Amino acid sequence: GGSNAIGLFHEFLDEPTVRLIGVEAAGEGVN
């Protein structure tokens, strides 16, 4: 859903030098 990621990201949204990466579950493969 994204709560832990947005909790980390939110403080840095206005910091263009900070790269934000979220990782989802591909399960048995996205295809």
Full PDB file with SEQRES, HELIX, SHEET, SSBOND, CRYST1, ORIGX, SCALE, CONECT and MASTER records, all heavy atoms in Angstrom:
SEQRES   1 A   31  GLY GLY SER ASN ALA ILE GLY LEU PHE HIS GLU PHE LEU          
SEQRES   2 A   31  ASP GLU PRO THR VAL ARG LEU ILE GLY VAL GLU ALA ALA          
SEQRES   3 A   31  GLY GLU GLY VAL ASN                                          
HELIX    1 AA1 SER A    3  PHE A    9  1                                   7    
HELIX    2 AA2 HIS A   10  PHE A   12  5                                   3    
CRYST1    1.000    1.000    1.000  90.00  90.00  90.00 P 1           1          
ORIGX1      1.000000  0.000000  0.000000        0.00000                         
ORIGX2      0.000000  1.000000  0.000000        0.00000                         
ORIGX3      0.000000  0.000000  1.000000        0.00000                         
SCALE1      1.000000  0.000000  0.000000        0.00000                         
SCALE2      0.000000  1.000000  0.000000        0.00000                         
SCALE3      0.000000  0.000000  1.000000        0.00000                         
ATOM      1  N   GLY A   1       0.839  -1.194   0.000  1.00  0.00           N  
ATOM      2  CA  GLY A   1       0.000   0.000   0.000  1.00  0.00           C  
ATOM      3  C   GLY A   1       0.873   1.243   0.000  1.00  0.00           C  
ATOM      4  O   GLY A   1       0.558   2.246  -0.614  1.00  0.00           O  
ATOM      5  N   GLY A   2       1.994   1.166   0.744  1.00  0.00           N  
ATOM      6  CA  GLY A   2       3.001   2.216   0.642  1.00  0.00           C  
ATOM      7  C   GLY A   2       3.256   3.064   1.864  1.00  0.00           C  
ATOM      8  O   GLY A   2       3.889   4.113   1.753  1.00  0.00           O  
ATOM      9  N   SER A   3       2.827   2.642   3.059  1.00  0.00           N  
ATOM     10  CA  SER A   3       2.952   3.531   4.227  1.00  0.00           C  
ATOM     11  C   SER A   3       4.389   3.689   4.695  1.00  0.00           C  
ATOM     12  O   SER A   3       4.814   4.794   5.045  1.00  0.00           O  
ATOM     13  CB  SER A   3       2.064   3.034   5.367  1.00  0.00           C  
ATOM     14  OG  SER A   3       2.454   1.749   5.820  1.00  0.00           O  
ATOM     15  N   ASN A   4       5.162   2.595   4.730  1.00  0.00           N  
ATOM     16  CA  ASN A   4       6.532   2.740   5.220  1.00  0.00           C  
ATOM     17  C   ASN A   4       7.373   3.548   4.239  1.00  0.00           C  
ATOM     18  O   ASN A   4       8.220   4.341   4.642  1.00  0.00           O  
ATOM     19  CB  ASN A   4       7.150   1.361   5.501  1.00  0.00           C  
ATOM     20  CG  ASN A   4       7.961   0.793   4.366  1.00  0.00           C  
ATOM     21  OD1 ASN A   4       9.156   1.041   4.230  1.00  0.00           O  
ATOM     22  ND2 ASN A   4       7.308   0.031   3.502  1.00  0.00           N  
ATOM     23  N   ALA A   5       7.109   3.379   2.948  1.00  0.00           N  
ATOM     24  CA  ALA A   5       7.873   4.118   1.935  1.00  0.00           C  
ATOM     25  C   ALA A   5       7.557   5.607   1.987  1.00  0.00           C  
ATOM     26  O   ALA A   5       8.467   6.443   1.992  1.00  0.00           O  
ATOM     27  CB  ALA A   5       7.579   3.558   0.544  1.00  0.00           C  
ATOM     28  N   ILE A   6       6.285   5.967   2.058  1.00  0.00           N  
ATOM     29  CA  ILE A   6       5.945   7.386   2.067  1.00  0.00           C  
ATOM     30  C   ILE A   6       6.389   8.023   3.377  1.00  0.00           C  
ATOM     31  O   ILE A   6       6.742   9.210   3.419  1.00  0.00           O  
ATOM     32  CB  ILE A   6       4.436   7.609   1.829  1.00  0.00           C  
ATOM     33  CG1 ILE A   6       4.185   8.968   1.148  1.00  0.00           C  
ATOM     34  CG2 ILE A   6       3.620   7.493   3.099  1.00  0.00           C  
ATOM     35  CD1 ILE A   6       4.667   9.037  -0.266  1.00  0.00           C  
ATOM     36  N   GLY A   7       6.416   7.233   4.462  1.00  0.00           N  
ATOM     37  CA  GLY A   7       6.930   7.759   5.725  1.00  0.00           C  
ATOM     38  C   GLY A   7       8.384   8.153   5.639  1.00  0.00           C  
ATOM     39  O   GLY A   7       8.808   9.148   6.224  1.00  0.00           O  
ATOM     40  N   LEU A   8       9.169   7.386   4.875  1.00  0.00           N  
ATOM     41  CA  LEU A   8      10.573   7.714   4.662  1.00  0.00           C  
ATOM     42  C   LEU A   8      10.737   8.806   3.619  1.00  0.00           C  
ATOM     43  O   LEU A   8      11.528   9.743   3.787  1.00  0.00           O  
ATOM     44  CB  LEU A   8      11.335   6.464   4.225  1.00  0.00           C  
ATOM     45  CG  LEU A   8      12.828   6.640   3.917  1.00  0.00           C  
ATOM     46  CD1 LEU A   8      13.607   7.046   5.170  1.00  0.00           C  
ATOM     47  CD2 LEU A   8      13.405   5.344   3.335  1.00  0.00           C  
ATOM     48  N   PHE A   9       9.987   8.728   2.520  1.00  0.00           N  
ATOM     49  CA  PHE A   9      10.166   9.641   1.393  1.00  0.00           C  
ATOM     50  C   PHE A   9       9.724  11.068   1.684  1.00  0.00           C  
ATOM     51  O   PHE A   9      10.317  12.029   1.186  1.00  0.00           O  
ATOM     52  CB  PHE A   9       9.357   9.161   0.183  1.00  0.00           C  
ATOM     53  CG  PHE A   9       9.814   7.887  -0.447  1.00  0.00           C  
ATOM     54  CD1 PHE A   9       9.055   7.302  -1.468  1.00  0.00           C  
ATOM     55  CD2 PHE A   9      10.980   7.253  -0.058  1.00  0.00           C  
ATOM     56  CE1 PHE A   9       9.454   6.136  -2.074  1.00  0.00           C  
ATOM     57  CE2 PHE A   9      11.390   6.064  -0.654  1.00  0.00           C  
ATOM     58  CZ  PHE A   9      10.620   5.502  -1.668  1.00  0.00           C  
ATOM     59  N   HIS A  10       8.653  11.201   2.464  1.00  0.00           N  
ATOM     60  CA  HIS A  10       7.928  12.474   2.504  1.00  0.00           C  
ATOM     61  C   HIS A  10       8.796  13.665   2.901  1.00  0.00           C  
ATOM     62  O   HIS A  10       8.689  14.749   2.315  1.00  0.00           O  
ATOM     63  CB  HIS A  10       6.730  12.364   3.445  1.00  0.00           C  
ATOM     64  CG  HIS A  10       5.849  13.569   3.433  1.00  0.00           C  
ATOM     65  ND1 HIS A  10       5.124  13.953   2.326  1.00  0.00           N  
ATOM     66  CD2 HIS A  10       5.600  14.491   4.385  1.00  0.00           C  
ATOM     67  CE1 HIS A  10       4.468  15.055   2.599  1.00  0.00           C  
ATOM     68  NE2 HIS A  10       4.731  15.406   3.838  1.00  0.00           N  
ATOM     69  N   GLU A  11       9.656  13.459   3.849  1.00  0.00           N  
ATOM     70  CA  GLU A  11      10.521  14.537   4.322  1.00  0.00           C  
ATOM     71  C   GLU A  11      11.454  15.047   3.233  1.00  0.00           C  
ATOM     72  O   GLU A  11      11.930  16.190   3.293  1.00  0.00           O  
ATOM     73  CB  GLU A  11      11.335  14.029   5.526  1.00  0.00           C  
ATOM     74  CG  GLU A  11      12.369  14.997   6.072  1.00  0.00           C  
ATOM     75  CD  GLU A  11      11.749  16.198   6.777  1.00  0.00           C  
ATOM     76  OE1 GLU A  11      10.548  16.156   7.106  1.00  0.00           O  
ATOM     77  OE2 GLU A  11      12.491  17.176   7.017  1.00  0.00           O  
ATOM     78  N   PHE A  12      11.692  14.240   2.210  1.00  0.00           N  
ATOM     79  CA  PHE A  12      12.703  14.558   1.203  1.00  0.00           C  
ATOM     80  C   PHE A  12      12.116  14.858  -0.183  1.00  0.00           C  
ATOM     81  O   PHE A  12      12.865  14.965  -1.153  1.00  0.00           O  
ATOM     82  CB  PHE A  12      13.706  13.402   1.095  1.00  0.00           C  
ATOM     83  CG  PHE A  12      14.417  13.100   2.383  1.00  0.00           C  
ATOM     84  CD1 PHE A  12      13.921  12.156   3.271  1.00  0.00           C  
ATOM     85  CD2 PHE A  12      15.583  13.784   2.730  1.00  0.00           C  
ATOM     86  CE1 PHE A  12      14.569  11.878   4.467  1.00  0.00           C  
ATOM     87  CE2 PHE A  12      16.245  13.518   3.924  1.00  0.00           C  
ATOM     88  CZ  PHE A  12      15.736  12.566   4.791  1.00  0.00           C  
ATOM     89  N   LEU A  13      10.812  15.012  -0.273  1.00  0.00           N  
ATOM     90  CA  LEU A  13      10.197  15.244  -1.581  1.00  0.00           C  
ATOM     91  C   LEU A  13      10.702  16.516  -2.239  1.00  0.00           C  
ATOM     92  O   LEU A  13      10.794  16.594  -3.472  1.00  0.00           O  
ATOM     93  CB  LEU A  13       8.673  15.299  -1.447  1.00  0.00           C  
ATOM     94  CG  LEU A  13       7.967  13.976  -1.131  1.00  0.00           C  
ATOM     95  CD1 LEU A  13       6.467  14.211  -1.001  1.00  0.00           C  
ATOM     96  CD2 LEU A  13       8.264  12.919  -2.178  1.00  0.00           C  
ATOM     97  N   ASP A  14      11.029  17.513  -1.443  1.00  0.00           N  
ATOM     98  CA  ASP A  14      11.509  18.784  -1.981  1.00  0.00           C  
ATOM     99  C   ASP A  14      13.030  18.859  -2.047  1.00  0.00           C  
ATOM    100  O   ASP A  14      13.586  19.954  -2.213  1.00  0.00           O  
ATOM    101  CB  ASP A  14      10.969  19.952  -1.147  1.00  0.00           C  
ATOM    102  CG  ASP A  14       9.458  20.100  -1.283  1.00  0.00           C  
ATOM    103  OD1 ASP A  14       8.921  19.727  -2.340  1.00  0.00           O  
ATOM    104  OD2 ASP A  14       8.823  20.576  -0.327  1.00  0.00           O  
ATOM    105  N   GLU A  15      13.689  17.717  -1.903  1.00  0.00           N  
ATOM    106  CA  GLU A  15      15.147  17.658  -1.999  1.00  0.00           C  
ATOM    107  C   GLU A  15      15.518  16.952  -3.309  1.00  0.00           C  
ATOM    108  O   GLU A  15      15.574  15.724  -3.365  1.00  0.00           O  
ATOM    109  CB  GLU A  15      15.742  16.903  -0.803  1.00  0.00           C  
ATOM    110  CG  GLU A  15      15.452  17.519   0.547  1.00  0.00           C  
ATOM    111  CD  GLU A  15      16.244  18.799   0.799  1.00  0.00           C  
ATOM    112  OE1 GLU A  15      17.081  19.161  -0.054  1.00  0.00           O  
ATOM    113  OE2 GLU A  15      16.018  19.434   1.841  1.00  0.00           O  
ATOM    114  N   PRO A  16      15.757  17.703  -4.385  1.00  0.00           N  
ATOM    115  CA  PRO A  16      15.966  17.069  -5.701  1.00  0.00           C  
ATOM    116  C   PRO A  16      17.198  16.193  -5.788  1.00  0.00           C  
ATOM    117  O   PRO A  16      17.291  15.356  -6.691  1.00  0.00           O  
ATOM    118  CB  PRO A  16      16.076  18.271  -6.650  1.00  0.00           C  
ATOM    119  CG  PRO A  16      16.461  19.426  -5.780  1.00  0.00           C  
ATOM    120  CD  PRO A  16      15.818  19.178  -4.460  1.00  0.00           C  
ATOM    121  N   THR A  17      18.141  16.341  -4.869  1.00  0.00           N  
ATOM    122  CA  THR A  17      19.343  15.508  -4.910  1.00  0.00           C  
ATOM    123  C   THR A  17      19.116  14.125  -4.311  1.00  0.00           C  
ATOM    124  O   THR A  17      19.979  13.244  -4.443  1.00  0.00           O  
ATOM    125  CB  THR A  17      20.503  16.179  -4.154  1.00  0.00           C  
ATOM    126  OG1 THR A  17      20.153  16.308  -2.769  1.00  0.00           O  
ATOM    127  CG2 THR A  17      20.811  17.556  -4.746  1.00  0.00           C  
ATOM    128  N   VAL A  18      17.981  13.932  -3.651  1.00  0.00           N  
ATOM    129  CA  VAL A  18      17.697  12.651  -2.998  1.00  0.00           C  
ATOM    130  C   VAL A  18      16.826  11.800  -3.925  1.00  0.00           C  
ATOM    131  O   VAL A  18      15.710  12.181  -4.270  1.00  0.00           O  
ATOM    132  CB  VAL A  18      17.001  12.847  -1.638  1.00  0.00           C  
ATOM    133  CG1 VAL A  18      16.739  11.494  -0.979  1.00  0.00           C  
ATOM    134  CG2 VAL A  18      17.846  13.728  -0.728  1.00  0.00           C  
ATOM    135  N   ARG A  19      17.351  10.661  -4.308  1.00  0.00           N  
ATOM    136  CA  ARG A  19      16.647   9.737  -5.205  1.00  0.00           C  
ATOM    137  C   ARG A  19      15.733   8.834  -4.388  1.00  0.00           C  
ATOM    138  O   ARG A  19      16.151   8.242  -3.390  1.00  0.00           O  
ATOM    139  CB  ARG A  19      17.679   8.919  -5.980  1.00  0.00           C  
ATOM    140  CG  ARG A  19      17.148   8.024  -7.066  1.00  0.00           C  
ATOM    141  CD  ARG A  19      18.321   7.335  -7.777  1.00  0.00           C  
ATOM    142  NE  ARG A  19      17.858   6.331  -8.713  1.00  0.00           N  
ATOM    143  CZ  ARG A  19      18.656   5.451  -9.320  1.00  0.00           C  
ATOM    144  NH1 ARG A  19      19.970   5.476  -9.079  1.00  0.00           N  
ATOM    145  NH2 ARG A  19      18.155   4.553 -10.153  1.00  0.00           N  
ATOM    146  N   LEU A  20      14.480   8.705  -4.787  1.00  0.00           N  
ATOM    147  CA  LEU A  20      13.486   7.917  -4.069  1.00  0.00           C  
ATOM    148  C   LEU A  20      13.148   6.667  -4.881  1.00  0.00           C  
ATOM    149  O   LEU A  20      12.729   6.775  -6.037  1.00  0.00           O  
ATOM    150  CB  LEU A  20      12.209   8.731  -3.832  1.00  0.00           C  
ATOM    151  CG  LEU A  20      12.382  10.149  -3.275  1.00  0.00           C  
ATOM    152  CD1 LEU A  20      11.023  10.828  -3.142  1.00  0.00           C  
ATOM    153  CD2 LEU A  20      13.109  10.126  -1.935  1.00  0.00           C  
ATOM    154  N   ILE A  21      13.293   5.494  -4.259  1.00  0.00           N  
ATOM    155  CA  ILE A  21      13.052   4.235  -4.964  1.00  0.00           C  
ATOM    156  C   ILE A  21      12.137   3.341  -4.136  1.00  0.00           C  
ATOM    157  O   ILE A  21      12.450   3.013  -2.985  1.00  0.00           O  
ATOM    158  CB  ILE A  21      14.366   3.489  -5.261  1.00  0.00           C  
ATOM    159  CG1 ILE A  21      15.298   4.345  -6.120  1.00  0.00           C  
ATOM    160  CG2 ILE A  21      14.080   2.157  -5.957  1.00  0.00           C  
ATOM    161  CD1 ILE A  21      16.655   3.710  -6.381  1.00  0.00           C  
ATOM    162  N   GLY A  22      11.021   2.947  -4.724  1.00  0.00           N  
ATOM    163  CA  GLY A  22      10.110   1.998  -4.098  1.00  0.00           C  
ATOM    164  C   GLY A  22      10.189   0.661  -4.816  1.00  0.00           C  
ATOM    165  O   GLY A  22      10.332   0.606  -6.037  1.00  0.00           O  
ATOM    166  N   VAL A  23      10.080  -0.429  -4.052  1.00  0.00           N  
ATOM    167  CA  VAL A  23      10.227  -1.773  -4.611  1.00  0.00           C  
ATOM    168  C   VAL A  23       8.966  -2.586  -4.327  1.00  0.00           C  
ATOM    169  O   VAL A  23       8.589  -2.781  -3.166  1.00  0.00           O  
ATOM    170  CB  VAL A  23      11.464  -2.491  -4.043  1.00  0.00           C  
ATOM    171  CG1 VAL A  23      11.628  -3.859  -4.704  1.00  0.00           C  
ATOM    172  CG2 VAL A  23      12.721  -1.648  -4.239  1.00  0.00           C  
ATOM    173  N   GLU A  24       8.340  -3.048  -5.395  1.00  0.00           N  
ATOM    174  CA  GLU A  24       7.110  -3.835  -5.299  1.00  0.00           C  
ATOM    175  C   GLU A  24       7.409  -5.327  -5.382  1.00  0.00           C  
ATOM    176  O   GLU A  24       8.531  -5.740  -5.661  1.00  0.00           O  
ATOM    177  CB  GLU A  24       6.170  -3.459  -6.437  1.00  0.00           C  
ATOM    178  CG  GLU A  24       5.732  -2.019  -6.454  1.00  0.00           C  
ATOM    179  CD  GLU A  24       4.728  -1.751  -7.551  1.00  0.00           C  
ATOM    180  OE1 GLU A  24       5.063  -1.902  -8.743  1.00  0.00           O  
ATOM    181  OE2 GLU A  24       3.587  -1.407  -7.210  1.00  0.00           O  
ATOM    182  N   ALA A  25       6.356  -6.126  -5.190  1.00  0.00           N  
ATOM    183  CA  ALA A  25       6.481  -7.584  -5.250  1.00  0.00           C  
ATOM    184  C   ALA A  25       6.170  -8.079  -6.660  1.00  0.00           C  
ATOM    185  O   ALA A  25       5.040  -7.944  -7.138  1.00  0.00           O  
ATOM    186  CB  ALA A  25       5.537  -8.230  -4.248  1.00  0.00           C  
ATOM    187  N   ALA A  26       7.172  -8.665  -7.320  1.00  0.00           N  
ATOM    188  CA  ALA A  26       6.967  -9.237  -8.656  1.00  0.00           C  
ATOM    189  C   ALA A  26       6.478 -10.677  -8.589  1.00  0.00           C  
ATOM    190  O   ALA A  26       6.215 -11.287  -9.626  1.00  0.00           O  
ATOM    191  CB  ALA A  26       8.264  -9.166  -9.459  1.00  0.00           C  
ATOM    192  N   GLY A  27       6.364 -11.230  -7.367  1.00  0.00           N  
ATOM    193  CA  GLY A  27       5.829 -12.584  -7.218  1.00  0.00           C  
ATOM    194  C   GLY A  27       6.604 -13.602  -8.035  1.00  0.00           C  
ATOM    195  O   GLY A  27       7.814 -13.754  -7.890  1.00  0.00           O  
ATOM    196  N   GLU A  28       5.907 -14.284  -8.930  1.00  0.00           N  
ATOM    197  CA  GLU A  28       6.542 -15.262  -9.809  1.00  0.00           C  
ATOM    198  C   GLU A  28       7.027 -14.627 -11.106  1.00  0.00           C  
ATOM    199  O   GLU A  28       7.465 -15.333 -12.017  1.00  0.00           O  
ATOM    200  CB  GLU A  28       5.573 -16.407 -10.087  1.00  0.00           C  
ATOM    201  CG  GLU A  28       5.217 -17.211  -8.839  1.00  0.00           C  
ATOM    202  CD  GLU A  28       4.283 -18.369  -9.110  1.00  0.00           C  
ATOM    203  OE1 GLU A  28       3.963 -18.612 -10.301  1.00  0.00           O  
ATOM    204  OE2 GLU A  28       3.884 -19.040  -8.144  1.00  0.00           O  
ATOM    205  N   GLY A  29       6.956 -13.296 -11.176  1.00  0.00           N  
ATOM    206  CA  GLY A  29       7.412 -12.564 -12.359  1.00  0.00           C  
ATOM    207  C   GLY A  29       6.324 -11.651 -12.878  1.00  0.00           C  
ATOM    208  O   GLY A  29       5.144 -12.020 -12.888  1.00  0.00           O  
ATOM    209  N   VAL A  30       6.698 -10.443 -13.301  1.00  0.00           N  
ATOM    210  CA  VAL A  30       5.693  -9.472 -13.744  1.00  0.00           C  
ATOM    211  C   VAL A  30       5.028  -9.884 -15.050  1.00  0.00           C  
ATOM    212  O   VAL A  30       3.970  -9.347 -15.402  1.00  0.00           O  
ATOM    213  CB  VAL A  30       6.299  -8.054 -13.883  1.00  0.00           C  
ATOM    214  CG1 VAL A  30       6.697  -7.505 -12.534  1.00  0.00           C  
ATOM    215  CG2 VAL A  30       7.475  -8.053 -14.849  1.00  0.00           C  
ATOM    216  N   ASN A  31       5.609 -10.815 -15.771  1.00  0.00           N  
ATOM    217  CA  ASN A  31       4.987 -11.314 -16.992  1.00  0.00           C  
ATOM    218  C   ASN A  31       4.139 -12.552 -16.748  1.00  0.00           C  
ATOM    219  O   ASN A  31       3.581 -13.128 -17.680  1.00  0.00           O  
ATOM    220  CB  ASN A  31       6.068 -11.625 -18.042  1.00  0.00           C  
ATOM    221  CG  ASN A  31       6.782 -10.363 -18.502  1.00  0.00           C  
ATOM    222  OD1 ASN A  31       6.166  -9.319 -18.687  1.00  0.00           O  
ATOM    223  ND2 ASN A  31       8.097 -10.443 -18.669  1.00  0.00           N  
TER     224      ASN A  31                                                      
MASTER        0    0    0    2    0    0    0    6  223    1    0    3          
END                                                                             
